[in-house]
Amino acid sequence: MAEKNRNKQEIYDNAAAQWWSDDLRWVRTLKNLVPARLKFFDRHIDWAGKTVLDLGCAGGFMAEAIAERGAQVTGIDPAKEAITAARSHAAQSGHDIRYDTGVGEALPYDEAKFDAVVCVDVLEHVSDLQKVLQEVARVLKPGGLFLYDTINRNVVARLATITVAEDILGLLPKGTHDPAMFIKPAELTDGLQDAGLTPGKMAGLGPTGLTRRMDFTFGVLPFKQVIYIGTARKPETTT
């Protein structure tokens, strides 16, 4: 059952003005996750020339990184101020990225529009996971790829993400996550299959070092007890 004062999504709008400033430690943590996520995703896709949707793009860290790899990127997020910050930074950086405001449960795009959908730090926040997965499958082209990460639901993950990351270290604002909304890999696998997607390999994601500012750096790990990352593919033909 969901907990009160958890899953606070207003944090993304509240931080929008400082998203690209490196002033906020928790936002720097999200930025520091991008290289590790791409290290895994790059194994599964050649981004150049692909149409890609960044679902839950916030202020645009992942969207810009994918655009720099040659993809044609669209970003969508319910946080209006974060989208404004993303648009502003893309314009300053010379990136041609389309940004929209909206939710994963009702994507405002035609069927079979994208070669890939990226969805990081999102699935554990959505109100209807299965609806989001169905929408992802709908907007993917046949043969298209879904690339995601999310948080496992168990005692270790709760300790790491809530007690340590939020309450002790302040790596995330308190109330960012609701542990009841975390997703076990088997549950996500079932959900992907129910949406008509074919699950691929999963791996773990987690801290591997520290920067000079004592922020964590991240890497792909063999264990999936806390954060796990993976792919799923839309079949070339549907029966």
Protein backbone atom coordinates (compact mmCIF):
# COMPACT_ATOMS: atom_id res chain seq x y z
CA MET A 1 0.00 0.00 0.00
CA ALA A 2 1.31 3.43 -0.92
CA GLU A 3 2.64 5.58 1.89
CA LYS A 4 1.56 9.15 2.56
CA ASN A 5 4.12 11.87 1.86
CA ARG A 6 6.00 9.59 -0.51
CA ASN A 7 6.55 9.60 -4.28
CA LYS A 8 6.86 13.40 -4.24
CA GLN A 9 7.07 14.37 -7.90
CA GLU A 10 7.03 18.10 -7.23
CA ILE A 11 10.76 17.88 -6.46
CA TYR A 12 11.50 17.95 -10.20
CA ASP A 13 9.67 21.23 -10.75
CA ASN A 14 11.14 22.70 -7.58
CA ALA A 15 14.67 21.97 -8.80
CA ALA A 16 14.09 23.05 -12.40
CA ALA A 17 15.87 26.40 -12.17
CA GLN A 18 19.01 24.69 -10.83
CA TRP A 19 18.82 21.52 -12.92
CA TRP A 20 21.92 22.19 -14.99
CA SER A 21 23.82 24.24 -12.40
CA ASP A 22 25.42 21.36 -10.42
CA ASP A 23 24.33 23.19 -7.26
CA LEU A 24 22.01 20.45 -5.96
CA ARG A 25 23.64 17.23 -4.83
CA TRP A 26 20.67 15.00 -5.63
CA VAL A 27 20.42 16.43 -9.14
CA ARG A 28 24.15 15.81 -9.61
CA THR A 29 23.47 12.21 -8.59
CA LEU A 30 20.95 11.86 -11.42
CA LYS A 31 23.44 13.40 -13.82
CA ASN A 32 26.17 11.02 -12.65
CA LEU A 33 23.93 8.04 -13.42
CA VAL A 34 23.78 8.87 -17.14
CA PRO A 35 27.18 7.41 -18.18
CA ALA A 36 26.48 4.09 -16.45
CA ARG A 37 23.03 3.85 -18.00
CA LEU A 38 24.44 4.56 -21.44
CA LYS A 39 27.26 2.06 -20.95
CA PHE A 40 24.57 -0.62 -20.69
CA PHE A 41 22.20 0.78 -23.32
CA ASP A 42 24.98 1.35 -25.88
CA ARG A 43 25.51 -2.41 -26.00
CA HIS A 44 22.00 -2.87 -27.34
CA ILE A 45 21.43 0.02 -29.75
CA ASP A 46 23.23 2.22 -32.25
CA TRP A 47 21.60 5.56 -31.52
CA ALA A 48 22.66 7.34 -34.72
CA GLY A 49 19.63 8.27 -36.82
CA LYS A 50 17.13 6.61 -34.47
CA THR A 51 13.92 8.28 -33.31
CA VAL A 52 13.95 8.04 -29.53
CA LEU A 53 11.42 8.97 -26.84
CA ASP A 54 12.85 9.83 -23.41
CA LEU A 55 9.86 9.03 -21.20
CA GLY A 56 10.13 10.91 -17.92
CA CYS A 57 12.96 13.11 -19.16
CA ALA A 58 12.85 15.69 -16.32
CA GLY A 59 15.39 18.44 -17.12
CA GLY A 60 16.96 16.61 -20.04
CA PHE A 61 20.17 14.88 -18.89
CA MET A 62 19.52 11.63 -20.75
CA ALA A 63 17.80 13.31 -23.71
CA GLU A 64 20.83 15.49 -24.44
CA ALA A 65 23.26 12.59 -24.01
CA ILE A 66 21.30 10.51 -26.52
CA ALA A 67 21.02 13.46 -28.91
CA GLU A 68 24.81 13.79 -28.76
CA ARG A 69 24.98 10.19 -30.00
CA GLY A 70 23.10 11.19 -33.13
CA ALA A 71 19.52 10.29 -32.25
CA GLN A 72 16.43 12.35 -33.03
CA VAL A 73 15.08 12.79 -29.50
CA THR A 74 11.68 13.65 -28.05
CA GLY A 75 11.37 14.10 -24.30
CA ILE A 76 8.19 14.02 -22.25
CA ASP A 77 7.57 14.61 -18.54
CA PRO A 78 4.67 15.78 -16.35
CA ALA A 79 6.89 18.34 -14.59
CA LYS A 80 6.22 21.54 -16.54
CA GLU A 81 9.02 23.59 -14.99
CA ALA A 82 11.52 20.80 -15.61
CA ILE A 83 10.43 20.68 -19.26
CA THR A 84 10.95 24.45 -19.48
CA ALA A 85 14.48 24.02 -18.11
CA ALA A 86 15.13 21.19 -20.57
CA ARG A 87 13.98 23.29 -23.52
CA SER A 88 16.10 26.23 -22.43
CA HIS A 89 19.26 24.18 -21.99
CA ALA A 90 18.78 22.35 -25.29
CA ALA A 91 18.47 25.69 -27.08
CA GLN A 92 21.63 26.98 -25.37
CA SER A 93 23.48 23.78 -26.25
CA GLY A 94 22.35 23.66 -29.85
CA HIS A 95 20.40 20.43 -29.50
CA ASP A 96 17.30 19.96 -31.64
CA ILE A 97 15.18 18.09 -29.07
CA ARG A 98 11.40 18.23 -28.90
CA TYR A 99 10.04 18.45 -25.35
CA ASP A 100 6.42 17.83 -24.39
CA THR A 101 4.50 17.87 -21.13
CA GLY A 102 2.55 14.68 -20.49
CA VAL A 103 2.34 11.36 -18.68
CA GLY A 104 3.34 7.84 -19.61
CA GLU A 105 -0.17 6.50 -19.16
CA ALA A 106 -1.42 8.60 -22.12
CA LEU A 107 1.39 9.38 -24.55
CA PRO A 108 0.39 12.01 -27.15
CA TYR A 109 2.07 10.21 -30.04
CA ASP A 110 0.97 8.05 -32.94
CA GLU A 111 1.41 4.31 -32.97
CA ALA A 112 4.78 2.94 -34.13
CA LYS A 113 6.44 6.37 -34.02
CA PHE A 114 9.74 5.60 -32.25
CA ASP A 115 12.67 3.25 -32.81
CA ALA A 116 13.35 3.27 -29.07
CA VAL A 117 11.81 4.42 -25.81
CA VAL A 118 14.10 5.22 -22.87
CA CYS A 119 12.58 5.25 -19.40
CA VAL A 120 14.96 5.70 -16.44
CA ASP A 121 14.08 6.52 -12.84
CA VAL A 122 10.41 6.53 -13.82
CA LEU A 123 8.60 3.19 -13.59
CA GLU A 124 8.72 3.18 -9.78
CA HIS A 125 6.83 6.50 -9.78
CA VAL A 126 3.96 5.95 -12.22
CA SER A 127 0.33 5.59 -11.19
CA ASP A 128 -0.43 2.70 -13.56
CA LEU A 129 2.61 0.63 -14.52
CA GLN A 130 0.78 -1.66 -16.91
CA LYS A 131 -0.81 1.23 -18.77
CA VAL A 132 2.60 2.84 -19.20
CA LEU A 133 4.08 -0.38 -20.58
CA GLN A 134 1.15 -0.70 -22.98
CA GLU A 135 1.69 2.86 -24.16
CA VAL A 136 5.40 2.18 -24.64
CA ALA A 137 4.56 -0.85 -26.78
CA ARG A 138 2.02 1.18 -28.78
CA VAL A 139 4.42 3.98 -29.73
CA LEU A 140 7.32 1.65 -30.54
CA LYS A 141 7.88 0.62 -34.13
CA PRO A 142 7.89 -3.13 -34.82
CA GLY A 143 11.34 -4.31 -33.77
CA GLY A 144 11.73 -1.23 -31.57
CA LEU A 145 13.57 -1.28 -28.26
CA PHE A 146 12.48 -0.32 -24.74
CA LEU A 147 15.39 0.64 -22.47
CA TYR A 148 14.71 1.14 -18.78
CA ASP A 149 15.89 1.03 -15.23
CA THR A 150 13.94 0.89 -11.98
CA ILE A 151 14.24 -0.10 -8.32
CA ASN A 152 13.75 -3.60 -6.94
CA ARG A 153 11.30 -4.17 -4.08
CA ASN A 154 12.97 -5.84 -1.13
CA VAL A 155 14.50 -5.01 2.25
CA VAL A 156 17.93 -4.24 0.80
CA ALA A 157 16.54 -1.83 -1.81
CA ARG A 158 14.43 -0.05 0.79
CA LEU A 159 17.43 0.31 3.09
CA ALA A 160 19.67 1.60 0.29
CA THR A 161 17.26 4.02 -1.41
CA ILE A 162 15.12 5.25 1.48
CA THR A 163 17.10 4.91 4.72
CA VAL A 164 20.58 5.58 3.32
CA ALA A 165 20.08 7.65 0.14
CA GLU A 166 17.18 9.81 1.34
CA ASP A 167 17.32 9.89 5.14
CA ILE A 168 21.06 9.63 5.94
CA LEU A 169 23.12 10.85 2.97
CA GLY A 170 20.59 13.20 1.41
CA LEU A 171 21.36 11.92 -2.08
CA LEU A 172 17.66 12.35 -2.80
CA PRO A 173 15.05 14.59 -1.16
CA LYS A 174 13.09 12.84 1.58
CA GLY A 175 9.90 11.38 0.19
CA THR A 176 11.21 10.97 -3.36
CA HIS A 177 10.31 7.29 -3.45
CA ASP A 178 7.52 5.16 -2.08
CA PRO A 179 8.99 1.70 -1.42
CA ALA A 180 5.57 0.14 -1.97
CA MET A 181 5.85 1.21 -5.63
CA PHE A 182 9.18 -0.51 -6.22
CA ILE A 183 9.02 -3.33 -8.78
CA LYS A 184 10.45 -6.83 -8.57
CA PRO A 185 12.18 -7.99 -11.77
CA ALA A 186 9.76 -10.89 -12.16
CA GLU A 187 6.82 -8.48 -11.92
CA LEU A 188 8.29 -6.21 -14.56
CA THR A 189 9.03 -9.19 -16.82
CA ASP A 190 5.39 -10.26 -16.56
CA GLY A 191 4.22 -6.71 -17.25
CA LEU A 192 6.43 -6.38 -20.31
CA GLN A 193 5.14 -9.65 -21.71
CA ASP A 194 1.53 -8.67 -21.01
CA ALA A 195 2.16 -5.48 -22.98
CA GLY A 196 3.42 -7.49 -25.94
CA LEU A 197 7.13 -6.83 -25.41
CA THR A 198 9.87 -9.46 -25.32
CA PRO A 199 12.12 -8.98 -22.25
CA GLY A 200 15.87 -8.96 -22.78
CA LYS A 201 18.75 -9.25 -20.35
CA MET A 202 18.86 -7.35 -17.07
CA ALA A 203 21.83 -6.16 -15.03
CA GLY A 204 22.36 -4.22 -11.85
CA LEU A 205 23.26 -0.54 -11.51
CA GLY A 206 24.92 1.07 -8.52
CA PRO A 207 27.74 3.11 -6.98
CA THR A 208 31.29 2.25 -8.01
CA GLY A 209 33.31 5.24 -6.80
CA LEU A 210 33.36 8.85 -5.62
CA THR A 211 34.07 12.17 -7.31
CA ARG A 212 36.19 14.94 -5.79
CA ARG A 213 32.95 16.45 -4.49
CA MET A 214 32.23 13.13 -2.72
CA ASP A 215 29.37 12.36 -5.08
CA PHE A 216 28.88 8.78 -6.19
CA THR A 217 29.85 7.61 -9.63
CA PHE A 218 27.95 4.62 -10.99
CA GLY A 219 28.48 1.50 -13.05
CA VAL A 220 26.84 -1.67 -14.30
CA LEU A 221 26.89 -4.37 -11.62
CA PRO A 222 26.19 -8.12 -11.57
CA PHE A 223 23.60 -7.95 -8.79
CA LYS A 224 20.09 -6.54 -9.14
CA GLN A 225 19.01 -6.24 -5.52
CA VAL A 226 18.66 -2.43 -5.63
CA ILE A 227 18.60 -0.77 -9.08
CA TYR A 228 18.30 -2.91 -12.17
CA ILE A 229 18.54 -2.00 -15.82
CA GLY A 230 17.34 -3.83 -18.90
CA THR A 231 15.76 -3.89 -22.34
CA ALA A 232 12.71 -5.31 -24.06
CA ARG A 233 11.85 -5.46 -27.73
CA LYS A 234 8.63 -5.12 -29.66
CA PRO A 235 8.30 -8.06 -32.03
CA GLU A 236 8.81 -7.37 -35.73
CA THR A 237 5.34 -8.74 -36.40
CA THR A 238 2.37 -9.19 -34.09
CA THR A 239 0.16 -12.23 -34.26
